[in-house]
Amino acid sequence: MAETGIDISKHRSKSVDEFAGANIEYVLTVCDNAREACPYFPATTLMIHHSFEDPAEAEGGEEARLGAFRSVRDQIRDYLQNDFVKVINTT
């Protein structure tokens, strides 16, 4: 992410329990496991799913695996900038 100018060094994984009671407009899942394990959200929350390959499952040497992570990173960016915006604008 730093390659694209985004600093996530202080980010961490969070439990959905940390958001209990929060008004959440959108939940975007990006892998099938997350979609299946995603907890219930209030009816006002729009659930959107788009499946991307899991780069952690990439095989090969370090450069091949890094390339897989970069590819998925870029696919997610493109999806958010283009298709996700279209989904939001049609709801």
PDB file of N, CA and C in Angstrom:
ATOM      1  N   MET A   1       0.826  -1.191   0.000  1.00  0.00           N
ATOM      2  CA  MET A   1       0.000   0.000   0.000  1.00  0.00           C
ATOM      3  C   MET A   1       0.868   1.253   0.000  1.00  0.00           C
ATOM      4  N   ALA A   2       1.996   1.176   0.672  1.00  0.00           N
ATOM      5  CA  ALA A   2       2.892   2.327   0.698  1.00  0.00           C
ATOM      6  C   ALA A   2       3.333   2.698  -0.716  1.00  0.00           C
ATOM      7  N   GLU A   3       3.428   1.709  -1.594  1.00  0.00           N
ATOM      8  CA  GLU A   3       3.807   1.982  -2.983  1.00  0.00           C
ATOM      9  C   GLU A   3       2.827   2.919  -3.670  1.00  0.00           C
ATOM     10  N   THR A   4       1.590   2.933  -3.185  1.00  0.00           N
ATOM     11  CA  THR A   4       0.559   3.776  -3.787  1.00  0.00           C
ATOM     12  C   THR A   4       0.293   5.040  -2.967  1.00  0.00           C
ATOM     13  N   GLY A   5       1.137   5.260  -1.944  1.00  0.00           N
ATOM     14  CA  GLY A   5       0.993   6.464  -1.134  1.00  0.00           C
ATOM     15  C   GLY A   5       0.016   6.339   0.020  1.00  0.00           C
ATOM     16  N   ILE A   6      -0.361   5.104   0.371  1.00  0.00           N
ATOM     17  CA  ILE A   6      -1.307   4.887   1.467  1.00  0.00           C
ATOM     18  C   ILE A   6      -0.572   4.226   2.626  1.00  0.00           C
ATOM     19  N   ASP A   7      -0.562   4.893   3.769  1.00  0.00           N
ATOM     20  CA  ASP A   7       0.112   4.366   4.950  1.00  0.00           C
ATOM     21  C   ASP A   7      -0.881   3.590   5.800  1.00  0.00           C
ATOM     22  N   ILE A   8      -0.696   2.286   5.880  1.00  0.00           N
ATOM     23  CA  ILE A   8      -1.561   1.455   6.725  1.00  0.00           C
ATOM     24  C   ILE A   8      -0.766   0.853   7.890  1.00  0.00           C
ATOM     25  N   SER A   9       0.384   1.417   8.176  1.00  0.00           N
ATOM     26  CA  SER A   9       1.258   0.840   9.193  1.00  0.00           C
ATOM     27  C   SER A   9       0.635   0.828  10.589  1.00  0.00           C
ATOM     28  N   LYS A  10      -0.291   1.716  10.852  1.00  0.00           N
ATOM     29  CA  LYS A  10      -0.931   1.745  12.161  1.00  0.00           C
ATOM     30  C   LYS A  10      -2.314   1.085  12.140  1.00  0.00           C
ATOM     31  N   HIS A  11      -2.710   0.523  11.028  1.00  0.00           N
ATOM     32  CA  HIS A  11      -3.990  -0.174  10.937  1.00  0.00           C
ATOM     33  C   HIS A  11      -3.875  -1.550  11.573  1.00  0.00           C
ATOM     34  N   ARG A  12      -5.011  -2.107  11.953  1.00  0.00           N
ATOM     35  CA  ARG A  12      -5.048  -3.444  12.531  1.00  0.00           C
ATOM     36  C   ARG A  12      -6.374  -4.093  12.180  1.00  0.00           C
ATOM     37  N   SER A  13      -6.389  -5.395  12.245  1.00  0.00           N
ATOM     38  CA  SER A  13      -7.647  -6.108  12.057  1.00  0.00           C
ATOM     39  C   SER A  13      -8.540  -5.813  13.249  1.00  0.00           C
ATOM     40  N   LYS A  14      -9.822  -5.692  12.972  1.00  0.00           N
ATOM     41  CA  LYS A  14     -10.773  -5.390  14.028  1.00  0.00           C
ATOM     42  C   LYS A  14     -11.884  -6.427  14.020  1.00  0.00           C
ATOM     43  N   SER A  15     -12.373  -6.709  15.182  1.00  0.00           N
ATOM     44  CA  SER A  15     -13.532  -7.581  15.315  1.00  0.00           C
ATOM     45  C   SER A  15     -14.777  -6.773  14.990  1.00  0.00           C
ATOM     46  N   VAL A  16     -15.732  -7.414  14.386  1.00  0.00           N
ATOM     47  CA  VAL A  16     -16.984  -6.726  14.089  1.00  0.00           C
ATOM     48  C   VAL A  16     -17.660  -6.263  15.375  1.00  0.00           C
ATOM     49  N   ASP A  17     -17.339  -6.892  16.495  1.00  0.00           N
ATOM     50  CA  ASP A  17     -17.913  -6.491  17.780  1.00  0.00           C
ATOM     51  C   ASP A  17     -17.543  -5.050  18.144  1.00  0.00           C
ATOM     52  N   GLU A  18     -16.416  -4.567  17.636  1.00  0.00           N
ATOM     53  CA  GLU A  18     -16.010  -3.189  17.913  1.00  0.00           C
ATOM     54  C   GLU A  18     -16.982  -2.182  17.306  1.00  0.00           C
ATOM     55  N   PHE A  19     -17.786  -2.629  16.376  1.00  0.00           N
ATOM     56  CA  PHE A  19     -18.708  -1.727  15.691  1.00  0.00           C
ATOM     57  C   PHE A  19     -20.162  -1.918  16.129  1.00  0.00           C
ATOM     58  N   ALA A  20     -20.358  -2.699  17.171  1.00  0.00           N
ATOM     59  CA  ALA A  20     -21.717  -2.943  17.679  1.00  0.00           C
ATOM     60  C   ALA A  20     -22.378  -1.614  18.020  1.00  0.00           C
ATOM     61  N   GLY A  21     -23.569  -1.441  17.531  1.00  0.00           N
ATOM     62  CA  GLY A  21     -24.327  -0.226  17.806  1.00  0.00           C
ATOM     63  C   GLY A  21     -24.010   0.934  16.879  1.00  0.00           C
ATOM     64  N   ALA A  22     -22.993   0.787  16.034  1.00  0.00           N
ATOM     65  CA  ALA A  22     -22.641   1.861  15.105  1.00  0.00           C
ATOM     66  C   ALA A  22     -23.606   1.857  13.922  1.00  0.00           C
ATOM     67  N   ASN A  23     -23.872   3.032  13.374  1.00  0.00           N
ATOM     68  CA  ASN A  23     -24.716   3.143  12.194  1.00  0.00           C
ATOM     69  C   ASN A  23     -23.820   2.939  10.968  1.00  0.00           C
ATOM     70  N   ILE A  24     -23.887   1.771  10.375  1.00  0.00           N
ATOM     71  CA  ILE A  24     -23.033   1.425   9.244  1.00  0.00           C
ATOM     72  C   ILE A  24     -23.894   1.378   7.988  1.00  0.00           C
ATOM     73  N   GLU A  25     -23.551   2.212   7.024  1.00  0.00           N
ATOM     74  CA  GLU A  25     -24.329   2.275   5.788  1.00  0.00           C
ATOM     75  C   GLU A  25     -24.010   1.131   4.837  1.00  0.00           C
ATOM     76  N   TYR A  26     -22.713   0.801   4.687  1.00  0.00           N
ATOM     77  CA  TYR A  26     -22.286  -0.197   3.715  1.00  0.00           C
ATOM     78  C   TYR A  26     -21.321  -1.187   4.355  1.00  0.00           C
ATOM     79  N   VAL A  27     -21.476  -2.440   3.972  1.00  0.00           N
ATOM     80  CA  VAL A  27     -20.499  -3.470   4.304  1.00  0.00           C
ATOM     81  C   VAL A  27     -20.086  -4.087   2.980  1.00  0.00           C
ATOM     82  N   LEU A  28     -18.806  -4.007   2.686  1.00  0.00           N
ATOM     83  CA  LEU A  28     -18.254  -4.556   1.449  1.00  0.00           C
ATOM     84  C   LEU A  28     -17.384  -5.746   1.813  1.00  0.00           C
ATOM     85  N   THR A  29     -17.760  -6.917   1.338  1.00  0.00           N
ATOM     86  CA  THR A  29     -16.924  -8.093   1.530  1.00  0.00           C
ATOM     87  C   THR A  29     -16.182  -8.349   0.228  1.00  0.00           C
ATOM     88  N   VAL A  30     -14.917  -8.780   0.348  1.00  0.00           N
ATOM     89  CA  VAL A  30     -14.077  -8.926  -0.836  1.00  0.00           C
ATOM     90  C   VAL A  30     -13.575 -10.354  -1.042  1.00  0.00           C
ATOM     91  N   CYS A  31     -14.054 -11.292  -0.232  1.00  0.00           N
ATOM     92  CA  CYS A  31     -13.725 -12.696  -0.464  1.00  0.00           C
ATOM     93  C   CYS A  31     -14.918 -13.536  -0.036  1.00  0.00           C
ATOM     94  N   ASP A  32     -15.028 -14.715  -0.599  1.00  0.00           N
ATOM     95  CA  ASP A  32     -16.184 -15.561  -0.325  1.00  0.00           C
ATOM     96  C   ASP A  32     -16.258 -15.990   1.137  1.00  0.00           C
ATOM     97  N   ASN A  33     -15.105 -16.246   1.776  1.00  0.00           N
ATOM     98  CA  ASN A  33     -15.117 -16.619   3.191  1.00  0.00           C
ATOM     99  C   ASN A  33     -15.693 -15.503   4.046  1.00  0.00           C
ATOM    100  N   ALA A  34     -15.325 -14.268   3.751  1.00  0.00           N
ATOM    101  CA  ALA A  34     -15.849 -13.133   4.515  1.00  0.00           C
ATOM    102  C   ALA A  34     -17.356 -13.001   4.305  1.00  0.00           C
ATOM    103  N   ARG A  35     -17.789 -13.242   3.099  1.00  0.00           N
ATOM    104  CA  ARG A  35     -19.223 -13.142   2.813  1.00  0.00           C
ATOM    105  C   ARG A  35     -20.003 -14.171   3.617  1.00  0.00           C
ATOM    106  N   GLU A  36     -19.493 -15.386   3.673  1.00  0.00           N
ATOM    107  CA  GLU A  36     -20.179 -16.452   4.392  1.00  0.00           C
ATOM    108  C   GLU A  36     -20.131 -16.236   5.902  1.00  0.00           C
ATOM    109  N   ALA A  37     -19.047 -15.671   6.396  1.00  0.00           N
ATOM    110  CA  ALA A  37     -18.876 -15.493   7.839  1.00  0.00           C
ATOM    111  C   ALA A  37     -19.372 -14.144   8.335  1.00  0.00           C
ATOM    112  N   CYS A  38     -19.785 -13.289   7.428  1.00  0.00           N
ATOM    113  CA  CYS A  38     -20.201 -11.940   7.803  1.00  0.00           C
ATOM    114  C   CYS A  38     -21.417 -12.009   8.722  1.00  0.00           C
ATOM    115  N   PRO A  39     -21.363 -11.320   9.843  1.00  0.00           N
ATOM    116  CA  PRO A  39     -22.492 -11.349  10.778  1.00  0.00           C
ATOM    117  C   PRO A  39     -23.679 -10.551  10.246  1.00  0.00           C
ATOM    118  N   TYR A  40     -24.761 -10.651  10.952  1.00  0.00           N
ATOM    119  CA  TYR A  40     -25.973  -9.925  10.594  1.00  0.00           C
ATOM    120  C   TYR A  40     -25.781  -8.443  10.893  1.00  0.00           C
ATOM    121  N   PHE A  41     -26.219  -7.616   9.964  1.00  0.00           N
ATOM    122  CA  PHE A  41     -26.244  -6.173  10.169  1.00  0.00           C
ATOM    123  C   PHE A  41     -27.684  -5.708  10.045  1.00  0.00           C
ATOM    124  N   PRO A  42     -28.028  -4.576  10.618  1.00  0.00           N
ATOM    125  CA  PRO A  42     -29.407  -4.079  10.517  1.00  0.00           C
ATOM    126  C   PRO A  42     -29.861  -3.948   9.065  1.00  0.00           C
ATOM    127  N   ALA A  43     -31.148  -3.980   8.876  1.00  0.00           N
ATOM    128  CA  ALA A  43     -31.725  -3.930   7.528  1.00  0.00           C
ATOM    129  C   ALA A  43     -31.334  -2.667   6.770  1.00  0.00           C
ATOM    130  N   THR A  44     -30.927  -1.629   7.464  1.00  0.00           N
ATOM    131  CA  THR A  44     -30.539  -0.386   6.794  1.00  0.00           C
ATOM    132  C   THR A  44     -29.136  -0.448   6.209  1.00  0.00           C
ATOM    133  N   THR A  45     -28.382  -1.487   6.544  1.00  0.00           N
ATOM    134  CA  THR A  45     -27.017  -1.641   6.032  1.00  0.00           C
ATOM    135  C   THR A  45     -27.056  -2.329   4.678  1.00  0.00           C
ATOM    136  N   LEU A  46     -26.428  -1.731   3.694  1.00  0.00           N
ATOM    137  CA  LEU A  46     -26.356  -2.330   2.364  1.00  0.00           C
ATOM    138  C   LEU A  46     -25.148  -3.248   2.311  1.00  0.00           C
ATOM    139  N   MET A  47     -25.409  -4.534   2.079  1.00  0.00           N
ATOM    140  CA  MET A  47     -24.341  -5.531   1.984  1.00  0.00           C
ATOM    141  C   MET A  47     -23.969  -5.681   0.512  1.00  0.00           C
ATOM    142  N   ILE A  48     -22.687  -5.490   0.205  1.00  0.00           N
ATOM    143  CA  ILE A  48     -22.202  -5.584  -1.172  1.00  0.00           C
ATOM    144  C   ILE A  48     -21.037  -6.571  -1.181  1.00  0.00           C
ATOM    145  N   HIS A  49     -21.072  -7.500  -2.119  1.00  0.00           N
ATOM    146  CA  HIS A  49     -20.001  -8.492  -2.201  1.00  0.00           C
ATOM    147  C   HIS A  49     -19.363  -8.467  -3.579  1.00  0.00           C
ATOM    148  N   HIS A  50     -18.038  -8.527  -3.581  1.00  0.00           N
ATOM    149  CA  HIS A  50     -17.279  -8.712  -4.817  1.00  0.00           C
ATOM    150  C   HIS A  50     -16.095  -9.606  -4.464  1.00  0.00           C
ATOM    151  N   SER A  51     -16.004 -10.732  -5.127  1.00  0.00           N
ATOM    152  CA  SER A  51     -14.968 -11.701  -4.799  1.00  0.00           C
ATOM    153  C   SER A  51     -13.679 -11.425  -5.568  1.00  0.00           C
ATOM    154  N   PHE A  52     -12.585 -11.375  -4.830  1.00  0.00           N
ATOM    155  CA  PHE A  52     -11.252 -11.258  -5.414  1.00  0.00           C
ATOM    156  C   PHE A  52     -10.465 -12.500  -5.013  1.00  0.00           C
ATOM    157  N   GLU A  53      -9.513 -12.884  -5.841  1.00  0.00           N
ATOM    158  CA  GLU A  53      -8.652 -14.004  -5.485  1.00  0.00           C
ATOM    159  C   GLU A  53      -7.863 -13.647  -4.232  1.00  0.00           C
ATOM    160  N   ASP A  54      -7.603 -14.638  -3.400  1.00  0.00           N
ATOM    161  CA  ASP A  54      -6.829 -14.421  -2.181  1.00  0.00           C
ATOM    162  C   ASP A  54      -5.348 -14.459  -2.529  1.00  0.00           C
ATOM    163  N   PRO A  55      -4.654 -13.326  -2.447  1.00  0.00           N
ATOM    164  CA  PRO A  55      -3.243 -13.318  -2.825  1.00  0.00           C
ATOM    165  C   PRO A  55      -2.377 -14.145  -1.880  1.00  0.00           C
ATOM    166  N   ALA A  56      -2.867 -14.420  -0.687  1.00  0.00           N
ATOM    167  CA  ALA A  56      -2.101 -15.238   0.249  1.00  0.00           C
ATOM    168  C   ALA A  56      -1.958 -16.673  -0.255  1.00  0.00           C
ATOM    169  N   GLU A  57      -2.803 -17.059  -1.200  1.00  0.00           N
ATOM    170  CA  GLU A  57      -2.743 -18.411  -1.755  1.00  0.00           C
ATOM    171  C   GLU A  57      -1.847 -18.485  -2.992  1.00  0.00           C
ATOM    172  N   ALA A  58      -1.248 -17.383  -3.372  1.00  0.00           N
ATOM    173  CA  ALA A  58      -0.384 -17.373  -4.554  1.00  0.00           C
ATOM    174  C   ALA A  58       0.839 -18.255  -4.324  1.00  0.00           C
ATOM    175  N   GLU A  59       1.238 -18.923  -5.376  1.00  0.00           N
ATOM    176  CA  GLU A  59       2.400 -19.795  -5.300  1.00  0.00           C
ATOM    177  C   GLU A  59       3.560 -19.154  -6.041  1.00  0.00           C
ATOM    178  N   GLY A  60       4.744 -19.668  -5.781  1.00  0.00           N
ATOM    179  CA  GLY A  60       5.927 -19.167  -6.454  1.00  0.00           C
ATOM    180  C   GLY A  60       6.848 -18.455  -5.496  1.00  0.00           C
ATOM    181  N   GLY A  61       7.843 -17.833  -6.059  1.00  0.00           N
ATOM    182  CA  GLY A  61       8.828 -17.112  -5.269  1.00  0.00           C
ATOM    183  C   GLY A  61       8.292 -15.801  -4.745  1.00  0.00           C
ATOM    184  N   GLU A  62       9.167 -15.090  -4.049  1.00  0.00           N
ATOM    185  CA  GLU A  62       8.768 -13.832  -3.419  1.00  0.00           C
ATOM    186  C   GLU A  62       8.219 -12.825  -4.424  1.00  0.00           C
ATOM    187  N   GLU A  63       8.858 -12.698  -5.578  1.00  0.00           N
ATOM    188  CA  GLU A  63       8.390 -11.731  -6.582  1.00  0.00           C
ATOM    189  C   GLU A  63       7.014 -12.119  -7.123  1.00  0.00           C
ATOM    190  N   ALA A  64       6.779 -13.415  -7.338  1.00  0.00           N
ATOM    191  CA  ALA A  64       5.474 -13.862  -7.835  1.00  0.00           C
ATOM    192  C   ALA A  64       4.386 -13.595  -6.809  1.00  0.00           C
ATOM    193  N   ARG A  65       4.680 -13.867  -5.542  1.00  0.00           N
ATOM    194  CA  ARG A  65       3.692 -13.641  -4.485  1.00  0.00           C
ATOM    195  C   ARG A  65       3.437 -12.145  -4.298  1.00  0.00           C
ATOM    196  N   LEU A  66       4.485 -11.351  -4.338  1.00  0.00           N
ATOM    197  CA  LEU A  66       4.324  -9.901  -4.233  1.00  0.00           C
ATOM    198  C   LEU A  66       3.497  -9.384  -5.407  1.00  0.00           C
ATOM    199  N   GLY A  67       3.743  -9.921  -6.574  1.00  0.00           N
ATOM    200  CA  GLY A  67       2.957  -9.542  -7.748  1.00  0.00           C
ATOM    201  C   GLY A  67       1.487  -9.854  -7.578  1.00  0.00           C
ATOM    202  N   ALA A  68       1.172 -10.986  -6.940  1.00  0.00           N
ATOM    203  CA  ALA A  68      -0.228 -11.350  -6.693  1.00  0.00           C
ATOM    204  C   ALA A  68      -0.886 -10.345  -5.759  1.00  0.00           C
ATOM    205  N   PHE A  69      -0.184  -9.938  -4.700  1.00  0.00           N
ATOM    206  CA  PHE A  69      -0.736  -8.939  -3.780  1.00  0.00           C
ATOM    207  C   PHE A  69      -0.933  -7.594  -4.480  1.00  0.00           C
ATOM    208  N   ARG A  70       0.032  -7.205  -5.287  1.00  0.00           N
ATOM    209  CA  ARG A  70      -0.107  -5.942  -6.027  1.00  0.00           C
ATOM    210  C   ARG A  70      -1.293  -6.001  -6.983  1.00  0.00           C
ATOM    211  N   SER A  71      -1.450  -7.125  -7.653  1.00  0.00           N
ATOM    212  CA  SER A  71      -2.544  -7.271  -8.606  1.00  0.00           C
ATOM    213  C   SER A  71      -3.899  -7.140  -7.917  1.00  0.00           C
ATOM    214  N   VAL A  72      -4.075  -7.833  -6.800  1.00  0.00           N
ATOM    215  CA  VAL A  72      -5.354  -7.766  -6.090  1.00  0.00           C
ATOM    216  C   VAL A  72      -5.560  -6.369  -5.506  1.00  0.00           C
ATOM    217  N   ARG A  73      -4.513  -5.766  -4.988  1.00  0.00           N
ATOM    218  CA  ARG A  73      -4.612  -4.384  -4.485  1.00  0.00           C
ATOM    219  C   ARG A  73      -5.154  -3.464  -5.582  1.00  0.00           C
ATOM    220  N   ASP A  74      -4.588  -3.593  -6.775  1.00  0.00           N
ATOM    221  CA  ASP A  74      -4.999  -2.741  -7.886  1.00  0.00           C
ATOM    222  C   ASP A  74      -6.410  -3.058  -8.351  1.00  0.00           C
ATOM    223  N   GLN A  75      -6.779  -4.333  -8.321  1.00  0.00           N
ATOM    224  CA  GLN A  75      -8.142  -4.719  -8.699  1.00  0.00           C
ATOM    225  C   GLN A  75      -9.162  -4.124  -7.725  1.00  0.00           C
ATOM    226  N   ILE A  76      -8.848  -4.171  -6.441  1.00  0.00           N
ATOM    227  CA  ILE A  76      -9.754  -3.601  -5.434  1.00  0.00           C
ATOM    228  C   ILE A  76      -9.860  -2.091  -5.629  1.00  0.00           C
ATOM    229  N   ARG A  77      -8.739  -1.414  -5.861  1.00  0.00           N
ATOM    230  CA  ARG A  77      -8.763   0.033  -6.107  1.00  0.00           C
ATOM    231  C   ARG A  77      -9.650   0.363  -7.310  1.00  0.00           C
ATOM    232  N   ASP A  78      -9.451  -0.375  -8.405  1.00  0.00           N
ATOM    233  CA  ASP A  78     -10.243  -0.128  -9.613  1.00  0.00           C
ATOM    234  C   ASP A  78     -11.723  -0.384  -9.366  1.00  0.00           C
ATOM    235  N   TYR A  79     -12.029  -1.440  -8.633  1.00  0.00           N
ATOM    236  CA  TYR A  79     -13.417  -1.751  -8.315  1.00  0.00           C
ATOM    237  C   TYR A  79     -14.044  -0.622  -7.500  1.00  0.00           C
ATOM    238  N   LEU A  80     -13.336  -0.162  -6.480  1.00  0.00           N
ATOM    239  CA  LEU A  80     -13.875   0.903  -5.639  1.00  0.00           C
ATOM    240  C   LEU A  80     -14.064   2.203  -6.409  1.00  0.00           C
ATOM    241  N   GLN A  81     -13.158   2.512  -7.314  1.00  0.00           N
ATOM    242  CA  GLN A  81     -13.237   3.763  -8.067  1.00  0.00           C
ATOM    243  C   GLN A  81     -14.265   3.717  -9.187  1.00  0.00           C
ATOM    244  N   ASN A  82     -14.591   2.541  -9.666  1.00  0.00           N
ATOM    245  CA  ASN A  82     -15.480   2.434 -10.818  1.00  0.00           C
ATOM    246  C   ASN A  82     -16.779   1.710 -10.495  1.00  0.00           C
ATOM    247  N   ASP A  83     -16.726   0.412 -10.346  1.00  0.00           N
ATOM    248  CA  ASP A  83     -17.936  -0.391 -10.185  1.00  0.00           C
ATOM    249  C   ASP A  83     -18.653  -0.142  -8.873  1.00  0.00           C
ATOM    250  N   PHE A  84     -17.917  -0.027  -7.760  1.00  0.00           N
ATOM    251  CA  PHE A  84     -18.545   0.184  -6.464  1.00  0.00           C
ATOM    252  C   PHE A  84     -19.318   1.503  -6.456  1.00  0.00           C
ATOM    253  N   VAL A  85     -18.736   2.513  -7.055  1.00  0.00           N
ATOM    254  CA  VAL A  85     -19.408   3.812  -7.145  1.00  0.00           C
ATOM    255  C   VAL A  85     -20.716   3.667  -7.919  1.00  0.00           C
ATOM    256  N   LYS A  86     -20.718   2.870  -8.968  1.00  0.00           N
ATOM    257  CA  LYS A  86     -21.941   2.646  -9.742  1.00  0.00           C
ATOM    258  C   LYS A  86     -22.991   1.941  -8.894  1.00  0.00           C
ATOM    259  N   VAL A  87     -22.580   0.953  -8.098  1.00  0.00           N
ATOM    260  CA  VAL A  87     -23.515   0.233  -7.227  1.00  0.00           C
ATOM    261  C   VAL A  87     -24.133   1.193  -6.225  1.00  0.00           C
ATOM    262  N   ILE A  88     -23.320   2.015  -5.613  1.00  0.00           N
ATOM    263  CA  ILE A  88     -23.805   2.971  -4.623  1.00  0.00           C
ATOM    264  C   ILE A  88     -24.767   3.975  -5.247  1.00  0.00           C
ATOM    265  N   ASN A  89     -24.459   4.428  -6.439  1.00  0.00           N
ATOM    266  CA  ASN A  89     -25.294   5.428  -7.100  1.00  0.00           C
ATOM    267  C   ASN A  89     -26.616   4.878  -7.602  1.00  0.00           C
ATOM    268  N   THR A  90     -26.747   3.553  -7.710  1.00  0.00           N
ATOM    269  CA  THR A  90     -28.006   2.963  -8.183  1.00  0.00           C
ATOM    270  C   THR A  90     -28.882   2.475  -7.056  1.00  0.00           C
ATOM    271  N   THR A  91     -28.429   2.641  -5.800  1.00  0.00           N
ATOM    272  CA  THR A  91     -29.261   2.173  -4.686  1.00  0.00           C
ATOM    273  C   THR A  91     -29.936   3.319  -4.000  1.00  0.00           C
TER     274      THR A  91
END
